[in-house]
Amino acid sequence: MTKHQKLRQKLLDGKSDANVGFSDLRGFLLELGFVERISGSHHIFRKEGVAEMPNLQRDGSKAKTYQVKQVRQILVKYSL
């Protein structure tokens, strides 16, 4: 199981949203084909065919919990 497959499973399980690394989540979205735009501390991702644009910010070395939940909702909604 690759690093991104493990992260995908961790996101879908939803048991440790507060323990997802920012750089791991960022890399995961890029691997899924999202395009990143950076505006200050905001990393904004978009992908053709996905209406939502996840916006990630660092919370130390981790991603913010509510943003991890938003990414999970996108994964489920679009079967990514």
C-alpha atoms as a PDB file:
ATOM      1  CA  MET A   1       0.000   0.000   0.000  1.00  0.00           C
ATOM      2  CA  THR A   2       1.494   3.339  -1.044  1.00  0.00           C
ATOM      3  CA  LYS A   3       1.717   6.439   1.128  1.00  0.00           C
ATOM      4  CA  HIS A   4      -1.139   8.107  -0.747  1.00  0.00           C
ATOM      5  CA  GLN A   5      -3.335   5.007  -0.534  1.00  0.00           C
ATOM      6  CA  LYS A   6      -2.793   4.943   3.242  1.00  0.00           C
ATOM      7  CA  LEU A   7      -3.663   8.636   3.484  1.00  0.00           C
ATOM      8  CA  ARG A   8      -6.781   8.127   1.368  1.00  0.00           C
ATOM      9  CA  GLN A   9      -7.918   5.346   3.706  1.00  0.00           C
ATOM     10  CA  LYS A  10      -7.132   7.507   6.748  1.00  0.00           C
ATOM     11  CA  LEU A  11      -9.203  10.359   5.298  1.00  0.00           C
ATOM     12  CA  LEU A  12     -12.155   8.123   4.504  1.00  0.00           C
ATOM     13  CA  ASP A  13     -12.034   6.516   7.976  1.00  0.00           C
ATOM     14  CA  GLY A  14     -12.339   9.982   9.526  1.00  0.00           C
ATOM     15  CA  LYS A  15     -10.892   8.928  12.869  1.00  0.00           C
ATOM     16  CA  SER A  16      -7.818  11.143  13.001  1.00  0.00           C
ATOM     17  CA  ASP A  17      -8.612  14.373  11.159  1.00  0.00           C
ATOM     18  CA  ALA A  18      -6.461  16.383  13.571  1.00  0.00           C
ATOM     19  CA  ASN A  19      -3.426  14.246  12.749  1.00  0.00           C
ATOM     20  CA  VAL A  20      -3.130  14.725   8.964  1.00  0.00           C
ATOM     21  CA  GLY A  21       0.082  16.359   7.812  1.00  0.00           C
ATOM     22  CA  PHE A  22      -0.305  19.476   5.679  1.00  0.00           C
ATOM     23  CA  SER A  23       2.358  18.455   3.172  1.00  0.00           C
ATOM     24  CA  ASP A  24       0.880  14.944   2.941  1.00  0.00           C
ATOM     25  CA  LEU A  25      -2.605  16.278   2.197  1.00  0.00           C
ATOM     26  CA  ARG A  26      -1.230  18.826  -0.270  1.00  0.00           C
ATOM     27  CA  GLY A  27       0.699  16.107  -2.134  1.00  0.00           C
ATOM     28  CA  PHE A  28      -2.347  13.848  -2.126  1.00  0.00           C
ATOM     29  CA  LEU A  29      -4.516  16.504  -3.791  1.00  0.00           C
ATOM     30  CA  LEU A  30      -1.824  17.196  -6.384  1.00  0.00           C
ATOM     31  CA  GLU A  31      -1.591  13.470  -7.151  1.00  0.00           C
ATOM     32  CA  LEU A  32      -5.375  13.392  -7.656  1.00  0.00           C
ATOM     33  CA  GLY A  33      -4.954  16.004 -10.402  1.00  0.00           C
ATOM     34  CA  PHE A  34      -5.824  19.171  -8.532  1.00  0.00           C
ATOM     35  CA  VAL A  35      -4.037  22.375  -9.544  1.00  0.00           C
ATOM     36  CA  GLU A  36      -2.684  24.511  -6.725  1.00  0.00           C
ATOM     37  CA  ARG A  37      -2.730  28.298  -6.419  1.00  0.00           C
ATOM     38  CA  ILE A  38      -1.106  29.957  -3.420  1.00  0.00           C
ATOM     39  CA  SER A  39      -2.359  33.249  -2.023  1.00  0.00           C
ATOM     40  CA  GLY A  40      -0.520  34.152   1.168  1.00  0.00           C
ATOM     41  CA  SER A  41      -0.990  31.251   3.588  1.00  0.00           C
ATOM     42  CA  HIS A  42      -3.903  29.807   1.586  1.00  0.00           C
ATOM     43  CA  HIS A  43      -3.312  26.902  -0.773  1.00  0.00           C
ATOM     44  CA  ILE A  44      -6.332  26.794  -3.072  1.00  0.00           C
ATOM     45  CA  PHE A  45      -6.932  23.715  -5.199  1.00  0.00           C
ATOM     46  CA  ARG A  46      -9.163  23.284  -8.208  1.00  0.00           C
ATOM     47  CA  LYS A  47      -9.898  20.456 -10.576  1.00  0.00           C
ATOM     48  CA  GLU A  48     -12.024  20.289 -13.672  1.00  0.00           C
ATOM     49  CA  GLY A  49     -15.276  18.515 -12.917  1.00  0.00           C
ATOM     50  CA  VAL A  50     -15.135  19.354  -9.188  1.00  0.00           C
ATOM     51  CA  ALA A  51     -17.231  22.359  -8.183  1.00  0.00           C
ATOM     52  CA  GLU A  52     -15.645  22.771  -4.734  1.00  0.00           C
ATOM     53  CA  MET A  53     -12.220  24.354  -4.384  1.00  0.00           C
ATOM     54  CA  PRO A  54     -10.539  23.052  -1.227  1.00  0.00           C
ATOM     55  CA  ASN A  55      -8.527  25.677   0.609  1.00  0.00           C
ATOM     56  CA  LEU A  56      -5.770  24.405   2.895  1.00  0.00           C
ATOM     57  CA  GLN A  57      -3.828  26.235   5.574  1.00  0.00           C
ATOM     58  CA  ARG A  58      -1.121  25.028   7.908  1.00  0.00           C
ATOM     59  CA  ASP A  59      -1.775  24.506  11.595  1.00  0.00           C
ATOM     60  CA  GLY A  60       1.843  23.942  12.559  1.00  0.00           C
ATOM     61  CA  SER A  61       2.865  20.935  10.477  1.00  0.00           C
ATOM     62  CA  LYS A  62      -0.712  19.625  10.255  1.00  0.00           C
ATOM     63  CA  ALA A  63      -3.682  20.552   8.092  1.00  0.00           C
ATOM     64  CA  LYS A  64      -6.623  22.215   9.814  1.00  0.00           C
ATOM     65  CA  THR A  65      -9.216  19.685  10.958  1.00  0.00           C
ATOM     66  CA  TYR A  66     -12.228  21.273   9.266  1.00  0.00           C
ATOM     67  CA  GLN A  67     -10.331  21.428   5.967  1.00  0.00           C
ATOM     68  CA  VAL A  68      -9.502  17.711   6.207  1.00  0.00           C
ATOM     69  CA  LYS A  69     -13.246  17.067   6.604  1.00  0.00           C
ATOM     70  CA  GLN A  70     -13.956  19.169   3.494  1.00  0.00           C
ATOM     71  CA  VAL A  71     -11.449  17.119   1.478  1.00  0.00           C
ATOM     72  CA  ARG A  72     -13.131  13.899   2.697  1.00  0.00           C
ATOM     73  CA  GLN A  73     -16.526  15.203   1.554  1.00  0.00           C
ATOM     74  CA  ILE A  74     -15.073  15.919  -1.907  1.00  0.00           C
ATOM     75  CA  LEU A  75     -13.510  12.435  -2.103  1.00  0.00           C
ATOM     76  CA  VAL A  76     -16.845  10.822  -1.299  1.00  0.00           C
ATOM     77  CA  LYS A  77     -18.999  13.098  -3.468  1.00  0.00           C
ATOM     78  CA  TYR A  78     -16.863  12.680  -6.594  1.00  0.00           C
ATOM     79  CA  SER A  79     -15.631   9.120  -5.911  1.00  0.00           C
ATOM     80  CA  LEU A  80     -11.999  10.197  -6.165  1.00  0.00           C
END
